[in-house]
Amino acid sequence: MKRNTKQGVKRTKNKNKKRIGLFLAILIGMIAILYLAVSFYFRSHFLPHTTINGVDSSGYTVEKVEHEIAQEIKNYTLTIEMREDRTEEINGKDISIEPQFDGSIENLLKKQNEFEWMLSFFKKYDYQSETMVAYDETALEEAVENLDCVQEENQIAPVNAKVSEYSEENGYVIVPAEYGTTLSKESVIAVVKDAVISLAESVSLDENGCYIDPEITQDSENIKNAVNTLNQYVNTKITYDFGEEKEVLDASVLNSWLSVSDAMEPVISEEKLSDYVKTLAAKHNTAGKSKTLNMTDGGTVEVPGGSYGWKIDQAAEREQLLNDIKNGGIVEREPEYAQRANSYKGNDYGNSYVEINLTSQHLYLYKDGALVISTDFVSGKVATGNDTPTGAYFINSKETERTLKGPDYESFVNYWMPFNGDIGMHDATWRSSFGGNIYLRGGSHGCINLPVSAAKTIFANIEVGTPVLVFRTEPVPDVTETVAPEVIIAEINSIGPVTLESETIMNTIRTQYNALPDADKAKITNYQILVDDEVQLAALKAASGQ
């Protein structure tokens, strides 16, 4: 009994398996038939989630899609979106819009894979066809031209971003651009055409780039760089050192020098920079300005003009100042000088200088405040207009054993110390006396003639650049009157050993003597010395080939 029971159970299980297998086969067959049936359906219908030119075409036949599109075209209106939340419309009737099907929808249907119908529930199919509508192109352009937004009087021109005026709080900042509402009519027409062809419900002129925007916006790199550079420039602070006195150049002045070009390049006004340097020089230059001197003999005197003193090199200073501004930062320095002086404080010549009094025909040399030498001299001959010029000068060079040459003279000197062009201090071995009124009619060609020992001492104690202060304490005496006999006597005694250099003073004395009345000539007790010296001079000239 047990054996038969087991066999019955086994037969029952086999029957169940066959039934399940048959059921599954039938089910699969039915699913396959259903899948193929649905696929066959979508051979003539568009898959789910299909849109054509924005029209939902899911499950539609070509005819149905064309009908829906035709209905949409019939009632078509395009909304044009503008800036400032404004809108305008173009009605399809105004541009004679109508459907125009040329088989493109059939082609779209043929291209779809009907066997993907199950996948279509999880993906979208969005198609565009440009050949489903026709319109009057001229009417469309006229419709665009009639829009309020394209009328010139309704448009606001764009304004470029710009650099602000300087302010102490913020320096320079970017003033944002104003975008305005100016449209490119050609762009509007092109965008509207595309929207009509695709049957778009609306189109944004801003998103489609129809507006004429500013060329320079706050995001433009060139304006950002310009603002950064200008702020670097204006934050420069330059302190000029004039000893105890300071001059500060900072943003309060610099901001008026700065601007930007049309190309957004930072500009430093060369004219204003140059004017500033000129003002600095006019205020602090001392060269060419009179100087007060406490004279050794007592009292004060104004030494006029001359070349000595502080003098800013304006070209070099302009260049250095421009570099300082471009580099930015805090700078303290002296200006660029073409010429320096001894002191910023008080008189610029300090306490080392040569004092030359043309009235007293006396010279003093001071070094570090101490008197080095005091000596008489003979200056330029007043009678012939060779008077030594007054003024504040400086030693230009130092030379020994120099031959000085001019149109009518050639003189050898041991010590040559020029301070005003061809005028300088030097020894005069051809003179036996110095000081007094010799200079009036028997003076030099303009130089300061010194005794050899004095010239040697001065030469040893001065440097190139030492100030030389030349002045008068009284007006130049009148030398047009006849010379007194005692003056001529003194001049004859001053000739000393006769050399070729003695010719100038001897000619002067001879002219003065010849101009005397006979009674005064008789008073010249040393006249024979003049005659003997003239004979000796003639012999020297003959021996030298002159």
Protein backbone atom coordinates (compact mmCIF):
# COMPACT_ATOMS: atom_id res chain seq x y z
CA MET A 1 0.00 0.00 0.00
CA LYS A 2 2.75 2.36 0.79
CA ARG A 3 4.40 1.77 -2.57
CA ASN A 4 1.25 2.61 -4.49
CA THR A 5 0.74 5.77 -2.48
CA LYS A 6 4.24 7.02 -3.33
CA GLN A 7 3.70 6.35 -7.01
CA GLY A 8 0.39 8.29 -6.94
CA VAL A 9 2.02 11.30 -5.37
CA LYS A 10 4.79 11.25 -7.95
CA ARG A 11 2.30 11.11 -10.82
CA THR A 12 0.38 14.04 -9.33
CA LYS A 13 3.57 16.16 -9.12
CA ASN A 14 4.42 15.47 -12.73
CA LYS A 15 0.99 16.53 -13.83
CA ASN A 16 1.30 19.81 -11.86
CA LYS A 17 4.66 20.62 -13.44
CA LYS A 18 3.24 20.11 -16.90
CA ARG A 19 0.33 22.34 -16.07
CA ILE A 20 2.61 25.13 -14.77
CA GLY A 21 4.84 24.82 -17.81
CA LEU A 22 1.89 25.01 -20.11
CA PHE A 23 0.56 28.03 -18.23
CA LEU A 24 3.90 29.84 -18.43
CA ALA A 25 4.19 29.06 -22.12
CA ILE A 26 0.70 30.39 -22.72
CA LEU A 27 1.46 33.48 -20.60
CA ILE A 28 4.73 34.23 -22.38
CA GLY A 29 3.01 33.74 -25.68
CA MET A 30 0.27 36.10 -24.72
CA ILE A 31 2.81 38.73 -23.48
CA ALA A 32 4.72 38.34 -26.71
CA ILE A 33 1.56 38.73 -28.72
CA LEU A 34 0.59 41.74 -26.63
CA TYR A 35 4.09 43.28 -26.97
CA LEU A 36 4.03 42.73 -30.72
CA ALA A 37 0.49 44.05 -30.93
CA VAL A 38 1.43 47.22 -29.05
CA SER A 39 4.59 47.54 -31.13
CA PHE A 40 2.50 47.19 -34.24
CA TYR A 41 0.25 49.92 -32.86
CA PHE A 42 3.19 52.26 -32.46
CA ARG A 43 4.21 51.72 -36.04
CA SER A 44 1.43 54.20 -36.85
CA HIS A 45 1.35 56.14 -33.61
CA PHE A 46 3.94 58.17 -31.77
CA LEU A 47 5.40 56.70 -28.59
CA PRO A 48 4.38 58.00 -25.16
CA HIS A 49 6.19 61.15 -23.97
CA THR A 50 6.58 62.43 -27.53
CA THR A 51 6.32 66.15 -28.33
CA ILE A 52 6.63 67.74 -31.74
CA ASN A 53 7.27 71.46 -31.87
CA GLY A 54 5.99 71.67 -28.31
CA VAL A 55 2.73 69.80 -29.12
CA ASP A 56 2.07 66.68 -27.02
CA SER A 57 1.89 63.90 -29.64
CA SER A 58 1.84 60.85 -27.37
CA GLY A 59 -0.13 58.06 -29.08
CA TYR A 60 -1.08 60.33 -32.00
CA THR A 61 -1.11 59.34 -35.60
CA VAL A 62 0.50 61.58 -38.18
CA GLU A 63 -2.92 62.88 -39.13
CA LYS A 64 -3.79 63.59 -35.51
CA VAL A 65 -0.50 65.45 -34.97
CA GLU A 66 -1.05 67.51 -38.12
CA HIS A 67 -4.58 68.31 -36.99
CA GLU A 68 -3.41 69.42 -33.54
CA ILE A 69 -0.63 71.55 -35.05
CA ALA A 70 -3.04 73.08 -37.55
CA GLN A 71 -5.39 74.00 -34.71
CA GLU A 72 -2.55 75.52 -32.77
CA ILE A 73 -1.38 77.48 -35.81
CA LYS A 74 -4.89 78.74 -36.40
CA ASN A 75 -4.97 80.37 -32.96
CA TYR A 76 -1.22 81.11 -32.76
CA THR A 77 0.02 84.15 -30.86
CA LEU A 78 3.67 84.79 -30.01
CA THR A 79 4.37 86.59 -26.74
CA ILE A 80 7.55 88.65 -26.86
CA GLU A 81 9.21 89.06 -23.47
CA MET A 82 11.33 92.17 -22.91
CA ARG A 83 13.36 93.75 -20.16
CA GLU A 84 11.63 95.54 -17.31
CA ASP A 85 8.97 92.76 -17.31
CA ARG A 86 7.28 94.14 -20.39
CA THR A 87 5.61 91.99 -23.08
CA GLU A 88 4.16 92.47 -26.54
CA GLU A 89 2.39 90.06 -28.92
CA ILE A 90 2.44 89.18 -32.59
CA ASN A 91 -0.76 87.48 -33.82
CA GLY A 92 -0.43 84.66 -36.33
CA LYS A 93 -3.19 86.16 -38.46
CA ASP A 94 -1.18 89.35 -38.88
CA ILE A 95 1.64 87.44 -40.52
CA SER A 96 -0.63 85.08 -42.53
CA ILE A 97 0.64 81.98 -40.74
CA GLU A 98 -0.67 78.60 -41.98
CA PRO A 99 0.28 74.92 -41.70
CA GLN A 100 2.59 73.43 -44.28
CA PHE A 101 3.21 69.73 -43.97
CA ASP A 102 5.75 68.24 -46.31
CA GLY A 103 6.11 64.73 -44.93
CA SER A 104 8.46 65.68 -42.14
CA ILE A 105 6.09 64.30 -39.49
CA GLU A 106 5.84 61.00 -41.38
CA ASN A 107 9.61 60.91 -41.39
CA LEU A 108 9.72 61.43 -37.66
CA LEU A 109 7.32 58.51 -37.18
CA LYS A 110 9.41 56.29 -39.44
CA LYS A 111 12.52 57.10 -37.47
CA GLN A 112 11.10 56.05 -34.14
CA ASN A 113 11.67 52.49 -32.93
CA GLU A 114 8.23 51.09 -32.16
CA PHE A 115 9.79 48.28 -30.11
CA GLU A 116 10.96 50.87 -27.54
CA TRP A 117 7.38 51.53 -26.43
CA MET A 118 8.04 50.08 -23.00
CA LEU A 119 11.15 52.23 -22.54
CA SER A 120 9.22 55.33 -23.63
CA PHE A 121 7.50 55.40 -20.26
CA PHE A 122 10.90 56.28 -18.77
CA LYS A 123 12.28 58.70 -21.42
CA LYS A 124 11.10 61.63 -23.52
CA TYR A 125 11.11 62.25 -27.24
CA ASP A 126 11.15 65.90 -28.21
CA TYR A 127 11.19 66.67 -31.92
CA GLN A 128 11.37 69.93 -33.86
CA SER A 129 10.29 70.36 -37.45
CA GLU A 130 10.93 73.64 -39.29
CA THR A 131 8.73 73.00 -42.23
CA MET A 132 5.26 72.83 -40.65
CA VAL A 133 4.35 76.48 -40.97
CA ALA A 134 4.48 79.11 -43.63
CA TYR A 135 4.14 82.86 -43.07
CA ASP A 136 4.43 86.16 -44.88
CA GLU A 137 8.01 87.20 -44.23
CA THR A 138 7.41 90.83 -45.17
CA ALA A 139 4.40 91.00 -42.86
CA LEU A 140 6.47 89.50 -40.03
CA GLU A 141 9.22 92.11 -40.48
CA GLU A 142 6.62 94.89 -40.51
CA ALA A 143 5.04 93.45 -37.36
CA VAL A 144 8.44 93.54 -35.64
CA GLU A 145 9.09 97.09 -36.83
CA ASN A 146 5.74 98.15 -35.36
CA LEU A 147 6.51 96.80 -31.92
CA ASP A 148 6.77 99.53 -29.29
CA CYS A 149 10.01 98.06 -27.98
CA VAL A 150 11.89 98.67 -31.24
CA GLN A 151 10.86 102.31 -31.52
CA GLU A 152 13.87 104.53 -30.94
CA GLU A 153 12.00 106.91 -28.64
CA ASN A 154 11.09 104.00 -26.36
CA GLN A 155 14.63 102.72 -26.02
CA ILE A 156 17.16 103.60 -23.34
CA ALA A 157 20.76 103.55 -24.53
CA PRO A 158 23.25 101.35 -22.67
CA VAL A 159 25.87 103.06 -20.49
CA ASN A 160 29.29 101.54 -19.96
CA ALA A 161 30.56 100.78 -16.50
CA LYS A 162 32.99 103.46 -15.39
CA VAL A 163 35.49 104.31 -12.71
CA SER A 164 34.08 106.48 -9.95
CA GLU A 165 35.48 109.75 -8.72
CA TYR A 166 37.97 109.33 -5.89
CA SER A 167 36.66 109.36 -2.34
CA GLU A 168 38.63 109.24 0.90
CA GLU A 169 36.44 106.42 2.22
CA ASN A 170 36.42 104.06 -0.75
CA GLY A 171 39.13 105.25 -3.11
CA TYR A 172 38.15 104.35 -6.66
CA VAL A 173 35.29 101.90 -7.29
CA ILE A 174 33.44 100.59 -10.35
CA VAL A 175 30.19 102.33 -11.20
CA PRO A 176 28.07 99.48 -12.69
CA ALA A 177 26.96 99.58 -16.31
CA GLU A 178 23.38 100.49 -17.23
CA TYR A 179 22.05 97.92 -19.70
CA GLY A 180 19.22 100.00 -21.08
CA THR A 181 16.65 98.73 -23.59
CA THR A 182 18.22 99.39 -26.99
CA LEU A 183 17.48 96.53 -29.38
CA SER A 184 19.10 95.24 -32.52
CA LYS A 185 16.11 95.13 -34.88
CA GLU A 186 17.85 92.57 -37.10
CA SER A 187 18.35 90.28 -34.12
CA VAL A 188 14.71 90.67 -33.05
CA ILE A 189 13.49 89.71 -36.53
CA ALA A 190 15.74 86.64 -36.62
CA VAL A 191 14.66 85.49 -33.15
CA VAL A 192 10.95 86.03 -33.90
CA LYS A 193 11.25 84.04 -37.13
CA ASP A 194 12.79 81.11 -35.27
CA ALA A 195 10.05 81.28 -32.63
CA VAL A 196 7.26 81.33 -35.24
CA ILE A 197 8.74 78.41 -37.15
CA SER A 198 8.88 76.33 -33.97
CA LEU A 199 5.45 77.61 -32.87
CA ALA A 200 6.93 78.79 -29.57
CA GLU A 201 4.41 80.38 -27.24
CA SER A 202 6.88 83.03 -26.10
CA VAL A 203 10.38 84.23 -26.75
CA SER A 204 12.73 86.24 -24.53
CA LEU A 205 14.63 88.98 -26.35
CA ASP A 206 17.09 89.26 -23.46
CA GLU A 207 17.88 85.54 -23.30
CA ASN A 208 18.38 85.47 -27.06
CA GLY A 209 20.85 88.37 -27.08
CA CYS A 210 18.72 90.92 -28.94
CA TYR A 211 19.71 93.85 -26.74
CA ILE A 212 22.72 96.03 -27.45
CA ASP A 213 24.60 95.75 -24.19
CA PRO A 214 27.34 98.02 -22.80
CA GLU A 215 30.79 97.34 -24.18
CA ILE A 216 32.27 97.60 -20.69
CA THR A 217 30.56 96.02 -17.72
CA GLN A 218 31.52 95.79 -14.07
CA ASP A 219 32.75 92.26 -14.80
CA SER A 220 35.16 93.41 -17.53
CA GLU A 221 38.74 92.57 -16.59
CA ASN A 222 40.12 95.83 -17.98
CA ILE A 223 38.00 98.02 -15.69
CA LYS A 224 38.76 95.81 -12.70
CA ASN A 225 42.46 96.14 -13.45
CA ALA A 226 42.11 99.90 -13.94
CA VAL A 227 40.43 100.38 -10.55
CA ASN A 228 43.02 98.21 -8.80
CA THR A 229 45.86 100.10 -10.44
CA LEU A 230 44.38 103.53 -9.67
CA ASN A 231 43.94 102.57 -6.01
CA GLN A 232 47.55 101.42 -5.94
CA TYR A 233 48.65 104.75 -7.42
CA VAL A 234 46.52 106.92 -5.15
CA ASN A 235 47.67 105.12 -2.00
CA THR A 236 51.24 106.21 -2.69
CA LYS A 237 52.67 108.55 -0.07
CA ILE A 238 55.91 110.37 -0.81
CA THR A 239 57.63 112.46 1.86
CA TYR A 240 60.28 114.79 0.49
CA ASP A 241 63.14 115.46 2.90
CA PHE A 242 64.42 119.05 2.97
CA GLY A 243 66.29 118.78 6.24
CA GLU A 244 63.96 119.89 9.02
CA GLU A 245 61.27 120.74 6.47
CA LYS A 246 59.13 118.04 4.83
CA GLU A 247 56.83 118.03 1.82
CA VAL A 248 54.16 115.29 1.66
CA LEU A 249 52.56 114.15 -1.58
CA ASP A 250 49.59 111.84 -0.99
CA ALA A 251 46.09 110.98 -2.15
CA SER A 252 44.77 114.47 -1.48
CA VAL A 253 46.86 115.70 -4.42
CA LEU A 254 47.46 112.52 -6.39
CA ASN A 255 43.78 111.83 -7.03
CA SER A 256 43.57 114.93 -9.25
CA TRP A 257 46.38 113.55 -11.43
CA LEU A 258 44.65 110.23 -12.16
CA SER A 259 42.14 109.24 -14.80
CA VAL A 260 41.36 106.40 -17.21
CA SER A 261 41.52 106.40 -20.98
CA ASP A 262 38.71 105.28 -23.27
CA ALA A 263 40.50 101.93 -23.42
CA MET A 264 40.32 101.71 -19.61
CA GLU A 265 44.05 102.29 -19.20
CA PRO A 266 45.08 104.14 -16.01
CA VAL A 267 46.56 107.55 -16.84
CA ILE A 268 48.84 109.74 -14.72
CA SER A 269 48.70 113.35 -15.91
CA GLU A 270 52.23 114.22 -17.00
CA GLU A 271 51.25 117.88 -17.11
CA LYS A 272 50.08 117.95 -13.48
CA LEU A 273 53.05 115.88 -12.37
CA SER A 274 55.37 118.30 -14.16
CA ASP A 275 53.60 121.30 -12.62
CA TYR A 276 54.05 119.78 -9.17
CA VAL A 277 57.78 119.30 -9.72
CA LYS A 278 58.03 122.89 -10.99
CA THR A 279 56.27 124.13 -7.86
CA LEU A 280 58.56 122.02 -5.68
CA ALA A 281 61.60 123.49 -7.43
CA ALA A 282 60.30 127.06 -7.22
CA LYS A 283 59.74 126.66 -3.49
CA HIS A 284 62.94 124.87 -2.52
CA ASN A 285 65.54 125.82 -5.13
CA THR A 286 68.01 128.38 -3.75
CA ALA A 287 70.27 128.62 -6.79
CA GLY A 288 69.87 132.01 -8.40
CA LYS A 289 68.32 133.52 -5.26
CA SER A 290 70.00 136.20 -3.14
CA LYS A 291 71.64 135.15 0.12
CA THR A 292 72.19 137.02 3.35
CA LEU A 293 75.78 137.10 4.60
CA ASN A 294 77.06 138.25 7.96
CA MET A 295 80.23 139.97 6.77
CA THR A 296 83.51 139.46 8.57
CA ASP A 297 83.97 143.25 8.79
CA GLY A 298 80.57 143.61 10.45
CA GLY A 299 77.04 144.11 9.21
CA THR A 300 75.05 142.08 6.73
CA VAL A 301 74.84 142.15 2.97
CA GLU A 302 72.56 140.61 0.37
CA VAL A 303 74.63 138.59 -2.09
CA PRO A 304 72.67 138.72 -5.36
CA GLY A 305 71.75 135.76 -7.57
CA GLY A 306 74.47 133.57 -8.95
CA SER A 307 74.64 129.84 -9.60
CA TYR A 308 75.23 128.46 -6.10
CA GLY A 309 72.48 126.69 -4.19
CA TRP A 310 70.06 123.79 -4.18
CA LYS A 311 68.68 123.00 -7.63
CA ILE A 312 66.24 120.18 -8.33
CA ASP A 313 66.83 118.22 -11.53
CA GLN A 314 63.27 118.50 -12.75
CA ALA A 315 63.59 115.93 -15.57
CA ALA A 316 65.13 113.33 -13.25
CA GLU A 317 62.63 114.12 -10.50
CA ARG A 318 59.67 113.76 -12.88
CA GLU A 319 60.92 110.32 -13.90
CA GLN A 320 61.56 109.21 -10.31
CA LEU A 321 58.22 110.53 -9.12
CA LEU A 322 56.40 108.72 -11.92
CA ASN A 323 58.15 105.46 -10.94
CA ASP A 324 57.30 105.98 -7.27
CA ILE A 325 53.62 106.45 -8.08
CA LYS A 326 53.51 103.39 -10.32
CA ASN A 327 55.24 101.26 -7.71
CA GLY A 328 52.99 102.55 -4.92
CA GLY A 329 53.78 102.35 -1.24
CA ILE A 330 55.37 104.69 1.31
CA VAL A 331 58.50 106.55 0.22
CA GLU A 332 60.68 109.08 2.04
CA ARG A 333 63.56 110.61 0.13
CA GLU A 334 65.28 113.73 -1.09
CA PRO A 335 64.30 115.06 -4.50
CA GLU A 336 66.60 114.37 -7.43
CA TYR A 337 69.13 117.21 -7.46
CA ALA A 338 71.05 118.68 -10.36
CA GLN A 339 73.05 120.65 -7.80
CA ARG A 340 73.43 120.44 -4.05
CA ALA A 341 74.34 123.04 -1.45
CA ASN A 342 76.02 122.83 1.96
CA SER A 343 72.98 123.22 4.17
CA TYR A 344 69.18 123.00 4.27
CA LYS A 345 69.00 125.10 7.39
CA GLY A 346 69.56 128.84 7.34
CA ASN A 347 71.85 130.02 4.59
CA ASP A 348 72.45 127.24 2.10
CA TYR A 349 76.20 127.92 1.90
CA GLY A 350 76.75 126.68 5.45
CA ASN A 351 79.98 127.55 7.27
CA SER A 352 82.58 126.75 4.60
CA TYR A 353 82.82 129.45 1.94
CA VAL A 354 84.86 132.19 0.30
CA GLU A 355 83.82 135.77 1.08
CA ILE A 356 84.86 138.28 -1.62
CA ASN A 357 84.15 141.97 -0.97
CA LEU A 358 84.72 143.88 -4.22
CA THR A 359 84.37 147.23 -2.47
CA SER A 360 87.11 146.57 0.09
CA GLN A 361 89.06 144.35 -2.34
CA HIS A 362 89.44 141.84 0.46
CA LEU A 363 88.83 138.08 0.66
CA TYR A 364 88.16 135.69 3.56
CA LEU A 365 88.15 131.90 3.43
CA TYR A 366 86.16 129.99 6.07
CA LYS A 367 86.33 126.25 6.57
CA ASP A 368 83.95 124.56 9.01
CA GLY A 369 83.35 127.97 10.57
CA ALA A 370 87.04 128.76 11.14
CA LEU A 371 88.86 131.56 9.31
CA VAL A 372 91.64 130.06 7.17
CA ILE A 373 93.00 133.13 5.42
CA SER A 374 92.35 136.82 4.91
CA THR A 375 93.95 138.59 1.93
CA ASP A 376 93.76 141.57 -0.41
CA PHE A 377 93.16 140.97 -4.10
CA VAL A 378 92.68 142.80 -7.38
CA SER A 379 89.37 142.19 -9.18
CA GLY A 380 88.09 143.01 -12.66
CA LYS A 381 89.01 146.31 -14.28
CA VAL A 382 86.04 148.67 -13.95
CA ALA A 383 87.31 151.23 -16.45
CA THR A 384 87.03 148.75 -19.35
CA GLY A 385 83.79 147.12 -18.23
CA ASN A 386 85.51 143.98 -16.93
CA ASP A 387 84.23 144.39 -13.38
CA THR A 388 83.94 141.04 -11.57
CA PRO A 389 80.26 139.97 -11.47
CA THR A 390 78.64 139.77 -8.05
CA GLY A 391 76.67 136.72 -6.94
CA ALA A 392 76.87 133.38 -5.13
CA TYR A 393 78.89 130.83 -7.09
CA PHE A 394 80.86 127.68 -6.39
CA ILE A 395 84.28 126.34 -7.26
CA ASN A 396 83.89 124.49 -10.58
CA SER A 397 87.34 122.86 -10.66
CA LYS A 398 90.92 123.09 -9.34
CA GLU A 399 94.03 123.10 -11.52
CA THR A 400 97.71 123.86 -11.13
CA GLU A 401 100.10 125.30 -13.70
CA ARG A 402 97.48 126.55 -16.09
CA THR A 403 97.89 129.09 -18.91
CA LEU A 404 94.90 131.41 -19.14
CA LYS A 405 94.20 132.77 -22.60
CA GLY A 406 92.00 135.51 -23.96
CA PRO A 407 91.73 137.73 -27.08
CA ASP A 408 94.50 140.07 -25.85
CA TYR A 409 96.31 138.15 -23.12
CA GLU A 410 98.03 134.89 -22.21
CA SER A 411 98.93 134.42 -18.55
CA PHE A 412 100.54 131.52 -16.72
CA VAL A 413 99.19 130.84 -13.22
CA ASN A 414 100.21 128.34 -10.58
CA TYR A 415 96.77 127.92 -9.00
CA TRP A 416 93.52 128.14 -10.97
CA MET A 417 90.14 128.00 -9.20
CA PRO A 418 87.29 129.01 -11.58
CA PHE A 419 83.85 129.74 -10.06
CA ASN A 420 81.90 131.61 -12.75
CA GLY A 421 82.69 130.40 -16.25
CA ASP A 422 86.08 131.89 -17.21
CA ILE A 423 86.20 133.93 -14.03
CA GLY A 424 88.05 132.49 -11.08
CA MET A 425 90.66 132.97 -8.40
CA HIS A 426 94.36 132.64 -9.25
CA ASP A 427 97.77 133.90 -8.32
CA ALA A 428 99.11 136.97 -10.17
CA THR A 429 102.91 136.90 -10.10
CA TRP A 430 103.05 140.00 -12.29
CA ARG A 431 101.60 142.18 -9.53
CA SER A 432 103.57 143.57 -6.64
CA SER A 433 100.64 145.07 -4.76
CA PHE A 434 96.98 144.18 -4.15
CA GLY A 435 93.93 145.83 -2.72
CA GLY A 436 92.95 149.48 -2.71
CA ASN A 437 91.62 151.00 -5.94
CA ILE A 438 93.95 149.25 -8.35
CA TYR A 439 91.01 147.34 -9.81
CA LEU A 440 89.29 150.50 -11.03
CA ARG A 441 91.77 151.22 -13.84
CA GLY A 442 94.35 148.51 -13.46
CA GLY A 443 92.26 145.50 -12.64
CA SER A 444 92.02 142.08 -14.29
CA HIS A 445 89.82 140.81 -17.10
CA GLY A 446 87.34 139.77 -14.38
CA CYS A 447 89.28 137.25 -12.27
CA ILE A 448 90.32 137.64 -8.64
CA ASN A 449 94.11 138.21 -8.73
CA LEU A 450 95.81 136.94 -5.56
CA PRO A 451 99.27 136.94 -4.07
CA VAL A 452 100.93 133.58 -4.74
CA SER A 453 101.04 132.57 -1.06
CA ALA A 454 97.37 133.39 -0.58
CA ALA A 455 96.37 131.50 -3.73
CA LYS A 456 98.36 128.48 -2.53
CA THR A 457 96.65 128.47 0.86
CA ILE A 458 93.19 128.86 -0.65
CA PHE A 459 93.87 126.10 -3.20
CA ALA A 460 94.88 123.71 -0.39
CA ASN A 461 91.77 124.38 1.69
CA ILE A 462 88.87 124.47 -0.74
CA GLU A 463 87.06 121.71 -2.58
CA VAL A 464 85.13 121.66 -5.82
CA GLY A 465 81.67 122.92 -4.88
CA THR A 466 82.84 125.35 -2.18
CA PRO A 467 80.59 128.44 -2.21
CA VAL A 468 82.10 131.72 -3.41
CA LEU A 469 80.15 134.80 -2.31
CA VAL A 470 81.00 137.90 -4.37
CA PHE A 471 79.42 141.22 -3.37
CA ARG A 472 79.72 144.96 -3.04
CA THR A 473 78.95 147.10 -0.02
CA GLU A 474 79.01 150.34 -2.02
CA PRO A 475 78.22 151.29 -5.62
CA VAL A 476 80.96 150.99 -8.26
CA PRO A 477 83.02 154.22 -8.24
CA ASP A 478 82.82 156.57 -11.23
CA VAL A 479 85.97 156.04 -13.32
CA THR A 480 85.12 158.48 -16.10
CA GLU A 481 86.90 161.38 -14.36
CA THR A 482 90.64 162.08 -14.77
CA VAL A 483 92.75 159.92 -12.52
CA ALA A 484 94.50 161.74 -9.72
CA PRO A 485 98.35 161.79 -9.89
CA GLU A 486 98.65 159.86 -6.61
CA VAL A 487 96.54 157.01 -8.10
CA ILE A 488 98.86 156.74 -11.10
CA ILE A 489 101.87 156.79 -8.77
CA ALA A 490 100.38 153.86 -6.85
CA GLU A 491 99.56 151.97 -10.04
CA ILE A 492 103.15 152.39 -11.35
CA ASN A 493 104.48 151.05 -8.05
CA SER A 494 102.13 148.03 -8.34
CA ILE A 495 103.61 146.86 -11.64
CA GLY A 496 106.40 144.93 -10.01
CA PRO A 497 108.71 142.69 -12.09
CA VAL A 498 107.91 143.21 -15.76
CA THR A 499 106.50 140.20 -17.62
CA LEU A 500 104.43 139.83 -20.76
CA GLU A 501 101.37 139.82 -18.49
CA SER A 502 102.25 143.35 -17.33
CA GLU A 503 101.22 144.83 -20.69
CA THR A 504 97.57 145.30 -19.75
CA ILE A 505 98.18 147.34 -16.60
CA MET A 506 101.02 149.30 -18.21
CA ASN A 507 98.81 150.26 -21.16
CA THR A 508 96.17 151.43 -18.71
CA ILE A 509 98.65 153.55 -16.78
CA ARG A 510 100.03 155.06 -20.00
CA THR A 511 96.50 156.03 -21.12
CA GLN A 512 95.78 157.60 -17.75
CA TYR A 513 99.08 159.53 -17.74
CA ASN A 514 98.58 160.86 -21.26
CA ALA A 515 95.16 162.20 -20.25
CA LEU A 516 96.65 164.34 -17.44
CA PRO A 517 97.23 168.07 -17.77
CA ASP A 518 100.92 168.98 -17.96
CA ALA A 519 100.81 170.34 -14.43
CA ASP A 520 99.61 166.97 -13.08
CA LYS A 521 102.06 165.03 -15.23
CA ALA A 522 104.86 166.82 -13.42
CA LYS A 523 103.54 165.39 -10.15
CA ILE A 524 104.16 161.78 -11.28
CA THR A 525 107.39 161.34 -9.39
CA ASN A 526 107.94 157.72 -10.48
CA TYR A 527 107.18 158.31 -14.15
CA GLN A 528 110.67 157.11 -15.16
CA ILE A 529 109.82 153.67 -13.72
CA LEU A 530 106.92 153.47 -16.18
CA VAL A 531 109.19 154.44 -19.06
CA ASP A 532 111.85 151.90 -18.06
CA ASP A 533 109.20 149.19 -17.65
CA GLU A 534 107.83 149.93 -21.12
CA VAL A 535 111.32 149.54 -22.62
CA GLN A 536 111.73 146.24 -20.79
CA LEU A 537 108.29 145.03 -21.96
CA ALA A 538 109.15 145.87 -25.57
CA ALA A 539 112.32 143.83 -25.27
CA LEU A 540 110.41 140.86 -23.86
CA LYS A 541 107.86 141.04 -26.68
CA ALA A 542 110.60 141.19 -29.30
CA ALA A 543 112.33 138.20 -27.76
CA SER A 544 109.08 136.20 -27.77
CA GLY A 545 108.35 137.09 -31.40
CA GLN A 546 105.33 139.28 -30.63
